[in-house]
PDB file of all heavy atoms in Angstrom:
ATOM      1  N   GLY A   1      -7.550  14.039   3.449  1.00  0.00           N
ATOM      2  CA  GLY A   1      -8.000  13.020   4.373  1.00  0.00           C
ATOM      3  C   GLY A   1      -6.848  12.454   5.168  1.00  0.00           C
ATOM      4  O   GLY A   1      -5.706  12.855   5.005  1.00  0.00           O
ATOM      5  N   LYS A   2      -7.166  11.455   5.958  1.00  0.00           N
ATOM      6  CA  LYS A   2      -6.189  10.824   6.831  1.00  0.00           C
ATOM      7  C   LYS A   2      -5.692   9.503   6.198  1.00  0.00           C
ATOM      8  O   LYS A   2      -6.476   8.791   5.567  1.00  0.00           O
ATOM      9  CB  LYS A   2      -6.737  10.565   8.225  1.00  0.00           C
ATOM     10  CG  LYS A   2      -7.020  11.854   8.993  1.00  0.00           C
ATOM     11  CD  LYS A   2      -7.520  11.537  10.412  1.00  0.00           C
ATOM     12  CE  LYS A   2      -7.746  12.811  11.211  1.00  0.00           C
ATOM     13  NZ  LYS A   2      -8.194  12.533  12.583  1.00  0.00           N
ATOM     14  N   GLY A   3      -4.412   9.218   6.441  1.00  0.00           N
ATOM     15  CA  GLY A   3      -3.886   7.921   6.045  1.00  0.00           C
ATOM     16  C   GLY A   3      -3.917   7.711   4.493  1.00  0.00           C
ATOM     17  O   GLY A   3      -4.172   6.590   4.052  1.00  0.00           O
ATOM     18  N   ILE A   4      -3.621   8.737   3.752  1.00  0.00           N
ATOM     19  CA  ILE A   4      -3.708   8.620   2.265  1.00  0.00           C
ATOM     20  C   ILE A   4      -2.525   7.735   1.755  1.00  0.00           C
ATOM     21  O   ILE A   4      -1.394   7.875   2.196  1.00  0.00           O
ATOM     22  CB  ILE A   4      -3.642   9.981   1.588  1.00  0.00           C
ATOM     23  CG1 ILE A   4      -4.758  10.898   2.123  1.00  0.00           C
ATOM     24  CG2 ILE A   4      -3.725   9.844   0.087  1.00  0.00           C
ATOM     25  CD1 ILE A   4      -6.141  10.358   1.928  1.00  0.00           C
ATOM     26  N   VAL A   5      -2.854   6.814   0.912  1.00  0.00           N
ATOM     27  CA  VAL A   5      -1.874   5.918   0.299  1.00  0.00           C
ATOM     28  C   VAL A   5      -1.987   6.020  -1.228  1.00  0.00           C
ATOM     29  O   VAL A   5      -3.003   6.494  -1.743  1.00  0.00           O
ATOM     30  CB  VAL A   5      -1.987   4.467   0.762  1.00  0.00           C
ATOM     31  CG1 VAL A   5      -1.747   4.324   2.241  1.00  0.00           C
ATOM     32  CG2 VAL A   5      -3.381   3.892   0.392  1.00  0.00           C
ATOM     33  N   GLY A   6      -0.989   5.530  -1.929  1.00  0.00           N
ATOM     34  CA  GLY A   6      -1.055   5.474  -3.390  1.00  0.00           C
ATOM     35  C   GLY A   6      -2.177   4.512  -3.824  1.00  0.00           C
ATOM     36  O   GLY A   6      -2.515   3.586  -3.104  1.00  0.00           O
ATOM     37  N   TRP A   7      -2.721   4.753  -4.981  1.00  0.00           N
ATOM     38  CA  TRP A   7      -3.802   3.928  -5.480  1.00  0.00           C
ATOM     39  C   TRP A   7      -3.412   2.474  -5.483  1.00  0.00           C
ATOM     40  O   TRP A   7      -2.288   2.069  -5.820  1.00  0.00           O
ATOM     41  CB  TRP A   7      -4.168   4.329  -6.916  1.00  0.00           C
ATOM     42  CG  TRP A   7      -4.903   5.619  -7.005  1.00  0.00           C
ATOM     43  CD1 TRP A   7      -5.370   6.400  -5.977  1.00  0.00           C
ATOM     44  CD2 TRP A   7      -5.273   6.292  -8.227  1.00  0.00           C
ATOM     45  NE1 TRP A   7      -5.990   7.490  -6.462  1.00  0.00           N
ATOM     46  CE2 TRP A   7      -5.969   7.453  -7.827  1.00  0.00           C
ATOM     47  CE3 TRP A   7      -5.117   6.020  -9.545  1.00  0.00           C
ATOM     48  CZ2 TRP A   7      -6.479   8.366  -8.769  1.00  0.00           C
ATOM     49  CZ3 TRP A   7      -5.608   6.911 -10.504  1.00  0.00           C
ATOM     50  CH2 TRP A   7      -6.278   8.053 -10.093  1.00  0.00           C
ATOM     51  N   TYR A   8      -4.389   1.659  -5.088  1.00  0.00           N
ATOM     52  CA  TYR A   8      -4.183   0.193  -5.107  1.00  0.00           C
ATOM     53  C   TYR A   8      -4.887  -0.354  -6.386  1.00  0.00           C
ATOM     54  O   TYR A   8      -6.096  -0.213  -6.547  1.00  0.00           O
ATOM     55  CB  TYR A   8      -4.815  -0.431  -3.874  1.00  0.00           C
ATOM     56  CG  TYR A   8      -4.821  -1.935  -3.856  1.00  0.00           C
ATOM     57  CD1 TYR A   8      -3.658  -2.653  -3.510  1.00  0.00           C
ATOM     58  CD2 TYR A   8      -5.948  -2.666  -4.212  1.00  0.00           C
ATOM     59  CE1 TYR A   8      -3.653  -4.049  -3.526  1.00  0.00           C
ATOM     60  CE2 TYR A   8      -5.949  -4.044  -4.223  1.00  0.00           C
ATOM     61  CZ  TYR A   8      -4.802  -4.692  -3.879  1.00  0.00           C
ATOM     62  OH  TYR A   8      -4.805  -6.091  -3.897  1.00  0.00           O
ATOM     63  N   ASP A   9      -4.130  -0.950  -7.272  1.00  0.00           N
ATOM     64  CA  ASP A   9      -4.650  -1.407  -8.563  1.00  0.00           C
ATOM     65  C   ASP A   9      -3.802  -2.577  -9.029  1.00  0.00           C
ATOM     66  O   ASP A   9      -2.621  -2.393  -9.345  1.00  0.00           O
ATOM     67  CB  ASP A   9      -4.631  -0.257  -9.572  1.00  0.00           C
ATOM     68  CG  ASP A   9      -5.447  -0.574 -10.826  1.00  0.00           C
ATOM     69  OD1 ASP A   9      -5.528  -1.761 -11.219  1.00  0.00           O
ATOM     70  OD2 ASP A   9      -6.024   0.384 -11.428  1.00  0.00           O
ATOM     71  N   VAL A  10      -4.395  -3.719  -9.160  1.00  0.00           N
ATOM     72  CA  VAL A  10      -3.681  -4.924  -9.628  1.00  0.00           C
ATOM     73  C   VAL A  10      -3.172  -4.771 -11.037  1.00  0.00           C
ATOM     74  O   VAL A  10      -2.249  -5.476 -11.469  1.00  0.00           O
ATOM     75  CB  VAL A  10      -4.541  -6.203  -9.502  1.00  0.00           C
ATOM     76  CG1 VAL A  10      -4.856  -6.492  -8.040  1.00  0.00           C
ATOM     77  CG2 VAL A  10      -5.843  -6.073 -10.327  1.00  0.00           C
ATOM     78  N   HIS A  11      -3.741  -3.826 -11.821  1.00  0.00           N
ATOM     79  CA  HIS A  11      -3.305  -3.648 -13.184  1.00  0.00           C
ATOM     80  C   HIS A  11      -1.887  -3.069 -13.273  1.00  0.00           C
ATOM     81  O   HIS A  11      -1.296  -3.050 -14.345  1.00  0.00           O
ATOM     82  CB  HIS A  11      -4.297  -2.733 -13.934  1.00  0.00           C
ATOM     83  CG  HIS A  11      -5.623  -3.342 -14.155  1.00  0.00           C
ATOM     84  ND1 HIS A  11      -6.687  -3.119 -13.314  1.00  0.00           N
ATOM     85  CD2 HIS A  11      -6.059  -4.268 -15.065  1.00  0.00           C
ATOM     86  CE1 HIS A  11      -7.752  -3.809 -13.727  1.00  0.00           C
ATOM     87  NE2 HIS A  11      -7.377  -4.497 -14.775  1.00  0.00           N
ATOM     88  N   TRP A  12      -1.346  -2.529 -12.200  1.00  0.00           N
ATOM     89  CA  TRP A  12       0.057  -2.136 -12.204  1.00  0.00           C
ATOM     90  C   TRP A  12       0.833  -2.858 -11.094  1.00  0.00           C
ATOM     91  O   TRP A  12       1.885  -2.404 -10.662  1.00  0.00           O
ATOM     92  CB  TRP A  12       0.220  -0.613 -12.112  1.00  0.00           C
ATOM     93  CG  TRP A  12      -0.376   0.089 -10.936  1.00  0.00           C
ATOM     94  CD1 TRP A  12      -0.207  -0.159  -9.611  1.00  0.00           C
ATOM     95  CD2 TRP A  12      -1.232   1.229 -10.998  1.00  0.00           C
ATOM     96  NE1 TRP A  12      -0.907   0.728  -8.847  1.00  0.00           N
ATOM     97  CE2 TRP A  12      -1.525   1.620  -9.669  1.00  0.00           C
ATOM     98  CE3 TRP A  12      -1.754   1.993 -12.069  1.00  0.00           C
ATOM     99  CZ2 TRP A  12      -2.339   2.704  -9.368  1.00  0.00           C
ATOM    100  CZ3 TRP A  12      -2.542   3.072 -11.750  1.00  0.00           C
ATOM    101  CH2 TRP A  12      -2.860   3.415 -10.433  1.00  0.00           C
ATOM    102  N   GLY A  13       0.330  -4.007 -10.670  1.00  0.00           N
ATOM    103  CA  GLY A  13       1.089  -4.876  -9.780  1.00  0.00           C
ATOM    104  C   GLY A  13       0.915  -4.620  -8.314  1.00  0.00           C
ATOM    105  O   GLY A  13       1.771  -5.071  -7.512  1.00  0.00           O
ATOM    106  N   SER A  14      -0.095  -3.871  -7.892  1.00  0.00           N
ATOM    107  CA  SER A  14      -0.344  -3.662  -6.460  1.00  0.00           C
ATOM    108  C   SER A  14      -0.568  -4.976  -5.744  1.00  0.00           C
ATOM    109  O   SER A  14      -1.172  -5.886  -6.306  1.00  0.00           O
ATOM    110  CB  SER A  14      -1.516  -2.706  -6.244  1.00  0.00           C
ATOM    111  OG  SER A  14      -1.286  -1.452  -6.787  1.00  0.00           O
ATOM    112  N   ASP A  15      -0.102  -5.047  -4.533  1.00  0.00           N
ATOM    113  CA  ASP A  15      -0.292  -6.230  -3.710  1.00  0.00           C
ATOM    114  C   ASP A  15      -0.609  -5.777  -2.282  1.00  0.00           C
ATOM    115  O   ASP A  15       0.236  -5.118  -1.631  1.00  0.00           O
ATOM    116  CB  ASP A  15       0.993  -7.079  -3.742  1.00  0.00           C
ATOM    117  CG  ASP A  15       0.849  -8.380  -2.951  1.00  0.00           C
ATOM    118  OD1 ASP A  15       0.913  -8.348  -1.702  1.00  0.00           O
ATOM    119  OD2 ASP A  15       0.645  -9.435  -3.575  1.00  0.00           O
ATOM    120  N   LEU A  16      -1.776  -6.116  -1.801  1.00  0.00           N
ATOM    121  CA  LEU A  16      -2.258  -5.632  -0.496  1.00  0.00           C
ATOM    122  C   LEU A  16      -1.384  -6.109   0.676  1.00  0.00           C
ATOM    123  O   LEU A  16      -1.096  -5.341   1.566  1.00  0.00           O
ATOM    124  CB  LEU A  16      -3.727  -5.998  -0.325  1.00  0.00           C
ATOM    125  CG  LEU A  16      -4.432  -5.360   0.888  1.00  0.00           C
ATOM    126  CD1 LEU A  16      -4.350  -3.850   0.872  1.00  0.00           C
ATOM    127  CD2 LEU A  16      -5.858  -5.821   0.962  1.00  0.00           C
ATOM    128  N   ARG A  17      -1.021  -7.381   0.642  1.00  0.00           N
ATOM    129  CA  ARG A  17      -0.185  -7.911   1.757  1.00  0.00           C
ATOM    130  C   ARG A  17       1.167  -7.158   1.798  1.00  0.00           C
ATOM    131  O   ARG A  17       1.582  -6.773   2.865  1.00  0.00           O
ATOM    132  CB  ARG A  17       0.033  -9.390   1.573  1.00  0.00           C
ATOM    133  CG  ARG A  17       0.841 -10.020   2.676  1.00  0.00           C
ATOM    134  CD  ARG A  17       0.999 -11.517   2.468  1.00  0.00           C
ATOM    135  NE  ARG A  17      -0.282 -12.232   2.616  1.00  0.00           N
ATOM    136  CZ  ARG A  17      -0.424 -13.533   2.537  1.00  0.00           C
ATOM    137  NH1 ARG A  17       0.634 -14.290   2.238  1.00  0.00           N
ATOM    138  NH2 ARG A  17      -1.595 -14.090   2.665  1.00  0.00           N
ATOM    139  N   ASP A  18       1.784  -7.016   0.633  1.00  0.00           N
ATOM    140  CA  ASP A  18       3.063  -6.296   0.608  1.00  0.00           C
ATOM    141  C   ASP A  18       2.891  -4.840   1.057  1.00  0.00           C
ATOM    142  O   ASP A  18       3.765  -4.272   1.724  1.00  0.00           O
ATOM    143  CB  ASP A  18       3.655  -6.311  -0.789  1.00  0.00           C
ATOM    144  CG  ASP A  18       4.265  -7.642  -1.142  1.00  0.00           C
ATOM    145  OD1 ASP A  18       4.516  -8.469  -0.273  1.00  0.00           O
ATOM    146  OD2 ASP A  18       4.534  -7.878  -2.341  1.00  0.00           O
ATOM    147  N   PHE A  19       1.769  -4.224   0.629  1.00  0.00           N
ATOM    148  CA  PHE A  19       1.496  -2.836   0.985  1.00  0.00           C
ATOM    149  C   PHE A  19       1.483  -2.682   2.493  1.00  0.00           C
ATOM    150  O   PHE A  19       2.127  -1.750   3.055  1.00  0.00           O
ATOM    151  CB  PHE A  19       0.128  -2.442   0.366  1.00  0.00           C
ATOM    152  CG  PHE A  19       0.056  -1.048  -0.155  1.00  0.00           C
ATOM    153  CD1 PHE A  19      -0.771  -0.724  -1.242  1.00  0.00           C
ATOM    154  CD2 PHE A  19       0.745  -0.009   0.432  1.00  0.00           C
ATOM    155  CE1 PHE A  19      -0.872   0.553  -1.738  1.00  0.00           C
ATOM    156  CE2 PHE A  19       0.666   1.306  -0.055  1.00  0.00           C
ATOM    157  CZ  PHE A  19      -0.165   1.577  -1.132  1.00  0.00           C
ATOM    158  N   LYS A  20       0.766  -3.548   3.182  1.00  0.00           N
ATOM    159  CA  LYS A  20       0.661  -3.455   4.645  1.00  0.00           C
ATOM    160  C   LYS A  20       2.036  -3.668   5.301  1.00  0.00           C
ATOM    161  O   LYS A  20       2.376  -2.967   6.253  1.00  0.00           O
ATOM    162  CB  LYS A  20      -0.332  -4.495   5.142  1.00  0.00           C
ATOM    163  CG  LYS A  20      -1.775  -4.219   4.752  1.00  0.00           C
ATOM    164  CD  LYS A  20      -2.690  -5.305   5.253  1.00  0.00           C
ATOM    165  CE  LYS A  20      -4.133  -5.086   4.850  1.00  0.00           C
ATOM    166  NZ  LYS A  20      -5.034  -6.193   5.328  1.00  0.00           N
ATOM    167  N   LYS A  21       2.792  -4.634   4.794  1.00  0.00           N
ATOM    168  CA  LYS A  21       4.127  -4.873   5.353  1.00  0.00           C
ATOM    169  C   LYS A  21       5.010  -3.661   5.188  1.00  0.00           C
ATOM    170  O   LYS A  21       5.786  -3.305   6.081  1.00  0.00           O
ATOM    171  CB  LYS A  21       4.753  -6.082   4.664  1.00  0.00           C
ATOM    172  CG  LYS A  21       4.183  -7.423   5.070  1.00  0.00           C
ATOM    173  CD  LYS A  21       4.893  -8.566   4.366  1.00  0.00           C
ATOM    174  CE  LYS A  21       4.351  -9.922   4.768  1.00  0.00           C
ATOM    175  NZ  LYS A  21       5.025 -11.021   4.021  1.00  0.00           N
ATOM    176  N   SER A  22       4.896  -3.010   4.034  1.00  0.00           N
ATOM    177  CA  SER A  22       5.722  -1.855   3.777  1.00  0.00           C
ATOM    178  C   SER A  22       5.378  -0.672   4.670  1.00  0.00           C
ATOM    179  O   SER A  22       6.261   0.018   5.202  1.00  0.00           O
ATOM    180  CB  SER A  22       5.614  -1.445   2.290  1.00  0.00           C
ATOM    181  OG  SER A  22       6.146  -2.392   1.442  1.00  0.00           O
ATOM    182  N   ILE A  23       4.096  -0.458   4.935  1.00  0.00           N
ATOM    183  CA  ILE A  23       3.703   0.615   5.862  1.00  0.00           C
ATOM    184  C   ILE A  23       4.193   0.313   7.259  1.00  0.00           C
ATOM    185  O   ILE A  23       4.721   1.222   7.948  1.00  0.00           O
ATOM    186  CB  ILE A  23       2.167   0.770   5.869  1.00  0.00           C
ATOM    187  CG1 ILE A  23       1.624   1.229   4.501  1.00  0.00           C
ATOM    188  CG2 ILE A  23       1.749   1.758   6.970  1.00  0.00           C
ATOM    189  CD1 ILE A  23       2.086   2.590   4.087  1.00  0.00           C
ATOM    190  N   LYS A  24       4.123  -0.930   7.677  1.00  0.00           N
ATOM    191  CA  LYS A  24       4.660  -1.319   8.994  1.00  0.00           C
ATOM    192  C   LYS A  24       6.165  -1.070   9.063  1.00  0.00           C
ATOM    193  O   LYS A  24       6.713  -0.618  10.098  1.00  0.00           O
ATOM    194  CB  LYS A  24       4.337  -2.746   9.331  1.00  0.00           C
ATOM    195  CG  LYS A  24       2.826  -3.028   9.565  1.00  0.00           C
ATOM    196  CD  LYS A  24       2.534  -4.488   9.753  1.00  0.00           C
ATOM    197  CE  LYS A  24       1.058  -4.760   9.940  1.00  0.00           C
ATOM    198  NZ  LYS A  24       0.771  -6.219  10.099  1.00  0.00           N
ATOM    199  N   LYS A  25       6.858  -1.381   7.997  1.00  0.00           N
ATOM    200  CA  LYS A  25       8.311  -1.146   7.949  1.00  0.00           C
ATOM    201  C   LYS A  25       8.610   0.338   8.099  1.00  0.00           C
ATOM    202  O   LYS A  25       9.481   0.740   8.875  1.00  0.00           O
ATOM    203  CB  LYS A  25       8.882  -1.680   6.630  1.00  0.00           C
ATOM    204  CG  LYS A  25      10.388  -1.396   6.473  1.00  0.00           C
ATOM    205  CD  LYS A  25      10.886  -1.636   5.057  1.00  0.00           C
ATOM    206  CE  LYS A  25      11.014  -3.085   4.743  1.00  0.00           C
ATOM    207  NZ  LYS A  25      11.744  -3.311   3.441  1.00  0.00           N
ATOM    208  N   LEU A  26       7.877   1.140   7.370  1.00  0.00           N
ATOM    209  CA  LEU A  26       8.107   2.609   7.446  1.00  0.00           C
ATOM    210  C   LEU A  26       7.789   3.150   8.865  1.00  0.00           C
ATOM    211  O   LEU A  26       8.553   3.970   9.377  1.00  0.00           O
ATOM    212  CB  LEU A  26       7.216   3.302   6.415  1.00  0.00           C
ATOM    213  CG  LEU A  26       7.537   3.051   4.940  1.00  0.00           C
ATOM    214  CD1 LEU A  26       6.493   3.714   4.081  1.00  0.00           C
ATOM    215  CD2 LEU A  26       8.944   3.483   4.560  1.00  0.00           C
ATOM    216  N   LYS A  27       6.765   2.637   9.466  1.00  0.00           N
ATOM    217  CA  LYS A  27       6.418   3.085  10.812  1.00  0.00           C
ATOM    218  C   LYS A  27       7.491   2.724  11.798  1.00  0.00           C
ATOM    219  O   LYS A  27       7.831   3.494  12.712  1.00  0.00           O
ATOM    220  CB  LYS A  27       5.077   2.459  11.234  1.00  0.00           C
ATOM    221  CG  LYS A  27       4.553   2.977  12.568  1.00  0.00           C
ATOM    222  CD  LYS A  27       3.199   2.359  12.900  1.00  0.00           C
ATOM    223  CE  LYS A  27       2.686   2.824  14.251  1.00  0.00           C
ATOM    224  NZ  LYS A  27       1.399   2.208  14.605  1.00  0.00           N
TER     225      LYS A  27
END
């Protein structure tokens, strides 16, 4: 599929706000 990202799961410390910032940084 398109735009695949690593699993988002709070049980291993995922953070949605940080995730978005990191993708923007990479872009």
